[in-house]
Amino acid sequence: MNLQNLKINFIGDSITEGVGCSSPDNTFHQIIKREYALAEAYNCGVSGTRIAKQTVPYNHHFDLYFSLRAKVMPKDADMIVIFGGTNDFGHGDSKMGHIDSTDIYTFYGALNTLLTELKEDYPTAKLIFMTPLRRSTENTPNHDGKILVNYVDAIIEVCKKHNVAVIDLFRSGIIDPTDTEVIPDGLHPNDKGHIIMADYIAKELLKI
């Protein structure tokens, strides 16, 4: 796929928003925009947000779940890159649910709902889902007794069901969560980390 002149919505959480970067211009999507001559790389990242809707309100900002925000993204996108799930693991209160669920208060249900609605609202846009990066707490069970790879695998499973392409950042090996020169807090890549991400993601997008 040629990326030149494409308009891409990048919907995500803090990493997409740019937490950890020294400047918004140093996020992975803005690097891709410059290096591959995108027409637009819309930053639709909001720090702390989750894919599933919070059962008990947690924080107004963090509770802006993905389906809610997908409704207000730019409508002229040629492609939508979805990058989320780490906060569902990290601090959300939703249960995992089951593969056929449409309950947005579960992770599976919210995934199914998000992809269905994106296809309806952006019928000509190509959808790409990126799994969460590895993080320092990835093997610590959360409130639902799940670890991060469970969310990664749920994303892959649902995307297969919906025929949506996946870039598996978790298993890519590009970011070592113990490498403090790239990911100082074990969660948010810095400028160096975003350069690594941009290079890998762009090459994967070109293959799709």
C-alpha atoms as a PDB file:
ATOM      1  CA  MET A   1       0.000   0.000   0.000  1.00  0.00           C
ATOM      2  CA  ASN A   2       1.302   3.422  -0.967  1.00  0.00           C
ATOM      3  CA  LEU A   3       0.941   5.850   1.934  1.00  0.00           C
ATOM      4  CA  GLN A   4       1.588   9.037  -0.007  1.00  0.00           C
ATOM      5  CA  ASN A   5      -1.268  11.557   0.165  1.00  0.00           C
ATOM      6  CA  LEU A   6      -3.406   9.367   2.425  1.00  0.00           C
ATOM      7  CA  LYS A   7      -5.404  10.841   5.278  1.00  0.00           C
ATOM      8  CA  ILE A   8      -5.204   8.638   8.371  1.00  0.00           C
ATOM      9  CA  ASN A   9      -7.068   8.830  11.675  1.00  0.00           C
ATOM     10  CA  PHE A  10      -4.884   7.485  14.481  1.00  0.00           C
ATOM     11  CA  ILE A  11      -7.241   6.698  17.376  1.00  0.00           C
ATOM     12  CA  GLY A  12      -5.586   5.633  20.593  1.00  0.00           C
ATOM     13  CA  ASP A  13      -4.640   6.472  24.143  1.00  0.00           C
ATOM     14  CA  SER A  14      -1.681   8.255  25.755  1.00  0.00           C
ATOM     15  CA  ILE A  15       0.962   6.819  23.441  1.00  0.00           C
ATOM     16  CA  THR A  16      -0.929   8.063  20.394  1.00  0.00           C
ATOM     17  CA  GLU A  17      -1.600  11.409  22.079  1.00  0.00           C
ATOM     18  CA  GLY A  18       2.129  11.784  22.668  1.00  0.00           C
ATOM     19  CA  VAL A  19       2.712  11.249  26.395  1.00  0.00           C
ATOM     20  CA  GLY A  20       6.430  10.547  26.741  1.00  0.00           C
ATOM     21  CA  CYS A  21       7.430  12.584  23.697  1.00  0.00           C
ATOM     22  CA  SER A  22       9.215  15.906  23.938  1.00  0.00           C
ATOM     23  CA  SER A  23       6.869  17.401  21.332  1.00  0.00           C
ATOM     24  CA  PRO A  24       3.635  16.423  19.520  1.00  0.00           C
ATOM     25  CA  ASP A  25       5.680  16.470  16.319  1.00  0.00           C
ATOM     26  CA  ASN A  26       7.745  13.541  17.603  1.00  0.00           C
ATOM     27  CA  THR A  27       4.876  11.053  17.879  1.00  0.00           C
ATOM     28  CA  PHE A  28       5.086   7.975  15.660  1.00  0.00           C
ATOM     29  CA  HIS A  29       2.229   9.108  13.408  1.00  0.00           C
ATOM     30  CA  GLN A  30       3.691  12.547  12.778  1.00  0.00           C
ATOM     31  CA  ILE A  31       7.019  10.941  11.902  1.00  0.00           C
ATOM     32  CA  ILE A  32       5.205   8.679   9.442  1.00  0.00           C
ATOM     33  CA  LYS A  33       3.388  11.697   8.016  1.00  0.00           C
ATOM     34  CA  ARG A  34       6.658  13.499   7.296  1.00  0.00           C
ATOM     35  CA  GLU A  35       8.641  10.542   6.037  1.00  0.00           C
ATOM     36  CA  TYR A  36       5.912   9.005   3.863  1.00  0.00           C
ATOM     37  CA  ALA A  37       4.196  12.201   2.668  1.00  0.00           C
ATOM     38  CA  LEU A  38       0.793  11.595   4.180  1.00  0.00           C
ATOM     39  CA  ALA A  39      -1.780  14.264   3.416  1.00  0.00           C
ATOM     40  CA  GLU A  40      -2.950  14.139   7.052  1.00  0.00           C
ATOM     41  CA  ALA A  41      -2.173  12.184  10.205  1.00  0.00           C
ATOM     42  CA  TYR A  42      -4.975  13.101  12.576  1.00  0.00           C
ATOM     43  CA  ASN A  43      -4.038  12.637  16.229  1.00  0.00           C
ATOM     44  CA  CYS A  44      -7.154  11.136  17.820  1.00  0.00           C
ATOM     45  CA  GLY A  45      -5.361   9.907  20.916  1.00  0.00           C
ATOM     46  CA  VAL A  46      -6.653  10.689  24.403  1.00  0.00           C
ATOM     47  CA  SER A  47      -4.551   9.738  27.396  1.00  0.00           C
ATOM     48  CA  GLY A  48      -5.938   7.106  29.749  1.00  0.00           C
ATOM     49  CA  THR A  49      -8.805   6.018  27.520  1.00  0.00           C
ATOM     50  CA  ARG A  50     -10.012   2.465  27.070  1.00  0.00           C
ATOM     51  CA  ILE A  51     -11.804   0.468  24.399  1.00  0.00           C
ATOM     52  CA  ALA A  52     -14.503  -0.811  26.774  1.00  0.00           C
ATOM     53  CA  LYS A  53     -16.877   1.519  28.571  1.00  0.00           C
ATOM     54  CA  GLN A  54     -16.206   1.853  32.278  1.00  0.00           C
ATOM     55  CA  THR A  55     -18.872   0.209  34.456  1.00  0.00           C
ATOM     56  CA  VAL A  56     -18.283   2.610  37.347  1.00  0.00           C
ATOM     57  CA  PRO A  57     -17.272   6.152  36.276  1.00  0.00           C
ATOM     58  CA  TYR A  58     -13.568   6.561  36.923  1.00  0.00           C
ATOM     59  CA  ASN A  59     -12.439   9.850  35.437  1.00  0.00           C
ATOM     60  CA  HIS A  60     -14.308  11.954  32.864  1.00  0.00           C
ATOM     61  CA  HIS A  61     -11.231  12.227  30.674  1.00  0.00           C
ATOM     62  CA  PHE A  62     -10.275   8.541  30.900  1.00  0.00           C
ATOM     63  CA  ASP A  63     -13.890   7.426  30.384  1.00  0.00           C
ATOM     64  CA  LEU A  64     -13.992   8.749  26.801  1.00  0.00           C
ATOM     65  CA  TYR A  65     -13.977   5.217  25.422  1.00  0.00           C
ATOM     66  CA  PHE A  66     -13.024   4.544  21.805  1.00  0.00           C
ATOM     67  CA  SER A  67     -16.492   4.090  20.229  1.00  0.00           C
ATOM     68  CA  LEU A  68     -17.599   7.396  21.717  1.00  0.00           C
ATOM     69  CA  ARG A  69     -14.642   9.261  20.231  1.00  0.00           C
ATOM     70  CA  ALA A  70     -14.742   7.420  16.907  1.00  0.00           C
ATOM     71  CA  LYS A  71     -17.994   9.249  16.174  1.00  0.00           C
ATOM     72  CA  VAL A  72     -16.268  12.633  16.153  1.00  0.00           C
ATOM     73  CA  MET A  73     -13.112  11.836  14.198  1.00  0.00           C
ATOM     74  CA  PRO A  74     -12.510  13.487  10.805  1.00  0.00           C
ATOM     75  CA  LYS A  75     -14.744  11.856   8.203  1.00  0.00           C
ATOM     76  CA  ASP A  76     -12.385  12.215   5.251  1.00  0.00           C
ATOM     77  CA  ALA A  77      -9.956   9.509   6.412  1.00  0.00           C
ATOM     78  CA  ASP A  78      -8.678   6.954   3.905  1.00  0.00           C
ATOM     79  CA  MET A  79      -7.456   4.754   6.742  1.00  0.00           C
ATOM     80  CA  ILE A  80      -8.116   4.354  10.453  1.00  0.00           C
ATOM     81  CA  VAL A  81      -5.378   2.988  12.697  1.00  0.00           C
ATOM     82  CA  ILE A  82      -6.692   1.826  16.081  1.00  0.00           C
ATOM     83  CA  PHE A  83      -4.185   1.468  18.918  1.00  0.00           C
ATOM     84  CA  GLY A  84      -5.587   0.545  22.305  1.00  0.00           C
ATOM     85  CA  GLY A  85      -6.179  -2.060  24.975  1.00  0.00           C
ATOM     86  CA  THR A  86      -3.367  -1.375  27.403  1.00  0.00           C
ATOM     87  CA  ASN A  87      -5.614   0.765  29.621  1.00  0.00           C
ATOM     88  CA  ASP A  88      -8.375  -1.845  29.605  1.00  0.00           C
ATOM     89  CA  PHE A  89      -5.767  -4.135  31.119  1.00  0.00           C
ATOM     90  CA  GLY A  90      -4.181  -1.470  33.296  1.00  0.00           C
ATOM     91  CA  HIS A  91      -7.047   0.312  35.029  1.00  0.00           C
ATOM     92  CA  GLY A  92     -10.399  -0.475  33.419  1.00  0.00           C
ATOM     93  CA  ASP A  93     -13.121  -2.337  35.314  1.00  0.00           C
ATOM     94  CA  SER A  94     -14.663  -4.252  32.414  1.00  0.00           C
ATOM     95  CA  LYS A  95     -14.717  -8.033  32.189  1.00  0.00           C
ATOM     96  CA  MET A  96     -13.275  -9.781  29.153  1.00  0.00           C
ATOM     97  CA  GLY A  97     -16.667 -11.116  28.005  1.00  0.00           C
ATOM     98  CA  HIS A  98     -17.021 -13.472  25.030  1.00  0.00           C
ATOM     99  CA  ILE A  99     -16.169 -13.337  21.341  1.00  0.00           C
ATOM    100  CA  ASP A 100     -19.722 -12.751  20.067  1.00  0.00           C
ATOM    101  CA  SER A 101     -20.676 -10.095  22.629  1.00  0.00           C
ATOM    102  CA  THR A 102     -21.798  -6.596  21.702  1.00  0.00           C
ATOM    103  CA  ASP A 103     -21.848  -5.412  25.315  1.00  0.00           C
ATOM    104  CA  ILE A 104     -19.653  -2.319  25.389  1.00  0.00           C
ATOM    105  CA  TYR A 105     -19.037  -2.858  29.108  1.00  0.00           C
ATOM    106  CA  THR A 106     -16.943  -5.924  28.187  1.00  0.00           C
ATOM    107  CA  PHE A 107     -13.704  -5.915  26.217  1.00  0.00           C
ATOM    108  CA  TYR A 108     -14.873  -8.350  23.535  1.00  0.00           C
ATOM    109  CA  GLY A 109     -18.193  -6.551  23.206  1.00  0.00           C
ATOM    110  CA  ALA A 110     -16.574  -3.148  22.915  1.00  0.00           C
ATOM    111  CA  LEU A 111     -14.181  -4.433  20.258  1.00  0.00           C
ATOM    112  CA  ASN A 112     -17.026  -5.890  18.205  1.00  0.00           C
ATOM    113  CA  THR A 113     -19.044  -2.696  18.555  1.00  0.00           C
ATOM    114  CA  LEU A 114     -16.115  -0.443  17.676  1.00  0.00           C
ATOM    115  CA  LEU A 115     -15.241  -2.308  14.489  1.00  0.00           C
ATOM    116  CA  THR A 116     -18.864  -2.619  13.399  1.00  0.00           C
ATOM    117  CA  GLU A 117     -19.492   1.092  13.889  1.00  0.00           C
ATOM    118  CA  LEU A 118     -16.249   2.122  12.190  1.00  0.00           C
ATOM    119  CA  LYS A 119     -17.194   0.094   9.127  1.00  0.00           C
ATOM    120  CA  GLU A 120     -20.614   1.759   9.065  1.00  0.00           C
ATOM    121  CA  ASP A 121     -19.325   5.294   9.630  1.00  0.00           C
ATOM    122  CA  TYR A 122     -16.248   5.040   7.391  1.00  0.00           C
ATOM    123  CA  PRO A 123     -17.329   2.608   4.649  1.00  0.00           C
ATOM    124  CA  THR A 124     -14.436   3.399   2.308  1.00  0.00           C
ATOM    125  CA  ALA A 125     -11.661   3.602   4.925  1.00  0.00           C
ATOM    126  CA  LYS A 126      -9.180   0.795   5.501  1.00  0.00           C
ATOM    127  CA  LEU A 127      -9.144  -0.341   9.152  1.00  0.00           C
ATOM    128  CA  ILE A 128      -5.925  -1.400  10.857  1.00  0.00           C
ATOM    129  CA  PHE A 129      -5.683  -2.469  14.507  1.00  0.00           C
ATOM    130  CA  MET A 130      -2.400  -2.339  16.432  1.00  0.00           C
ATOM    131  CA  THR A 131      -2.039  -4.456  19.559  1.00  0.00           C
ATOM    132  CA  PRO A 132      -0.625  -2.870  22.744  1.00  0.00           C
ATOM    133  CA  LEU A 133       3.107  -2.558  23.188  1.00  0.00           C
ATOM    134  CA  ARG A 134       4.699  -4.626  25.917  1.00  0.00           C
ATOM    135  CA  ARG A 135       4.822  -2.896  29.310  1.00  0.00           C
ATOM    136  CA  SER A 136       6.629  -3.513  32.589  1.00  0.00           C
ATOM    137  CA  THR A 137       3.457  -4.688  34.380  1.00  0.00           C
ATOM    138  CA  GLU A 138       2.263  -6.955  31.558  1.00  0.00           C
ATOM    139  CA  ASN A 139       2.382 -10.171  33.618  1.00  0.00           C
ATOM    140  CA  THR A 140       0.709  -8.810  36.750  1.00  0.00           C
ATOM    141  CA  PRO A 141      -2.926 -10.041  36.771  1.00  0.00           C
ATOM    142  CA  ASN A 142      -5.514  -7.272  36.806  1.00  0.00           C
ATOM    143  CA  HIS A 143      -8.954  -7.023  38.431  1.00  0.00           C
ATOM    144  CA  ASP A 144     -10.301  -9.697  36.061  1.00  0.00           C
ATOM    145  CA  GLY A 145      -7.353 -12.025  36.603  1.00  0.00           C
ATOM    146  CA  LYS A 146      -6.058 -11.283  33.103  1.00  0.00           C
ATOM    147  CA  ILE A 147      -2.610 -10.310  31.875  1.00  0.00           C
ATOM    148  CA  LEU A 148      -1.852  -8.063  28.913  1.00  0.00           C
ATOM    149  CA  VAL A 149      -1.417 -10.851  26.372  1.00  0.00           C
ATOM    150  CA  ASN A 150      -5.039 -11.877  26.981  1.00  0.00           C
ATOM    151  CA  TYR A 151      -6.131  -8.488  25.632  1.00  0.00           C
ATOM    152  CA  VAL A 152      -3.701  -8.773  22.742  1.00  0.00           C
ATOM    153  CA  ASP A 153      -5.140 -12.153  21.766  1.00  0.00           C
ATOM    154  CA  ALA A 154      -8.720 -10.889  22.104  1.00  0.00           C
ATOM    155  CA  ILE A 155      -7.923  -8.070  19.656  1.00  0.00           C
ATOM    156  CA  ILE A 156      -6.429 -10.506  17.165  1.00  0.00           C
ATOM    157  CA  GLU A 157      -9.399 -12.853  17.505  1.00  0.00           C
ATOM    158  CA  VAL A 158     -12.011 -10.139  16.989  1.00  0.00           C
ATOM    159  CA  CYS A 159     -10.111  -8.573  14.084  1.00  0.00           C
ATOM    160  CA  LYS A 160      -9.982 -11.955  12.354  1.00  0.00           C
ATOM    161  CA  LYS A 161     -13.750 -12.232  12.781  1.00  0.00           C
ATOM    162  CA  HIS A 162     -14.251  -8.776  11.229  1.00  0.00           C
ATOM    163  CA  ASN A 163     -11.582  -9.204   8.542  1.00  0.00           C
ATOM    164  CA  VAL A 164      -9.539  -6.308   9.930  1.00  0.00           C
ATOM    165  CA  ALA A 165      -5.768  -6.283   9.493  1.00  0.00           C
ATOM    166  CA  VAL A 166      -3.614  -6.403  12.633  1.00  0.00           C
ATOM    167  CA  ILE A 167      -0.140  -5.081  13.361  1.00  0.00           C
ATOM    168  CA  ASP A 168       0.950  -7.077  16.401  1.00  0.00           C
ATOM    169  CA  LEU A 169       3.214  -4.629  18.218  1.00  0.00           C
ATOM    170  CA  PHE A 170       3.153  -6.789  21.342  1.00  0.00           C
ATOM    171  CA  ARG A 171       4.931  -9.674  19.625  1.00  0.00           C
ATOM    172  CA  SER A 172       7.006  -7.544  17.276  1.00  0.00           C
ATOM    173  CA  GLY A 173       9.906  -7.262  19.708  1.00  0.00           C
ATOM    174  CA  ILE A 174      10.519  -3.624  18.762  1.00  0.00           C
ATOM    175  CA  ILE A 175      10.162  -2.284  22.311  1.00  0.00           C
ATOM    176  CA  ASP A 176      11.696  -3.963  25.367  1.00  0.00           C
ATOM    177  CA  PRO A 177       9.739  -2.735  28.412  1.00  0.00           C
ATOM    178  CA  THR A 178      12.882  -3.004  30.541  1.00  0.00           C
ATOM    179  CA  ASP A 179      14.867  -0.665  28.267  1.00  0.00           C
ATOM    180  CA  THR A 180      14.667   2.645  30.103  1.00  0.00           C
ATOM    181  CA  GLU A 181      16.478   4.440  27.281  1.00  0.00           C
ATOM    182  CA  VAL A 182      13.440   3.836  25.072  1.00  0.00           C
ATOM    183  CA  ILE A 183      10.528   3.448  27.494  1.00  0.00           C
ATOM    184  CA  PRO A 184      11.602   5.200  30.720  1.00  0.00           C
ATOM    185  CA  ASP A 185       8.468   4.479  32.771  1.00  0.00           C
ATOM    186  CA  GLY A 186       7.860   0.990  31.421  1.00  0.00           C
ATOM    187  CA  LEU A 187       4.778   2.144  29.515  1.00  0.00           C
ATOM    188  CA  HIS A 188       5.267   5.286  27.402  1.00  0.00           C
ATOM    189  CA  PRO A 189       7.982   5.303  24.717  1.00  0.00           C
ATOM    190  CA  ASN A 190      10.063   8.466  24.470  1.00  0.00           C
ATOM    191  CA  ASP A 191      11.206  10.188  21.260  1.00  0.00           C
ATOM    192  CA  LYS A 192      13.612   7.349  20.521  1.00  0.00           C
ATOM    193  CA  GLY A 193      10.850   4.825  21.067  1.00  0.00           C
ATOM    194  CA  HIS A 194       8.508   6.649  18.724  1.00  0.00           C
ATOM    195  CA  ILE A 195      11.130   6.638  15.990  1.00  0.00           C
ATOM    196  CA  ILE A 196      11.387   2.856  16.368  1.00  0.00           C
ATOM    197  CA  MET A 197       7.596   2.550  16.322  1.00  0.00           C
ATOM    198  CA  ALA A 198       7.208   4.779  13.263  1.00  0.00           C
ATOM    199  CA  ASP A 199       9.728   2.790  11.264  1.00  0.00           C
ATOM    200  CA  TYR A 200       8.106  -0.539  12.091  1.00  0.00           C
ATOM    201  CA  ILE A 201       4.486   0.600  11.715  1.00  0.00           C
ATOM    202  CA  ALA A 202       5.080   2.318   8.367  1.00  0.00           C
ATOM    203  CA  LYS A 203       6.754  -0.786   6.946  1.00  0.00           C
ATOM    204  CA  GLU A 204       3.852  -2.932   8.162  1.00  0.00           C
ATOM    205  CA  LEU A 205       1.316  -0.535   6.660  1.00  0.00           C
ATOM    206  CA  LEU A 206       3.128  -0.719   3.330  1.00  0.00           C
ATOM    207  CA  LYS A 207       2.651  -4.498   3.347  1.00  0.00           C
ATOM    208  CA  ILE A 208      -1.117  -4.268   3.787  1.00  0.00           C
END
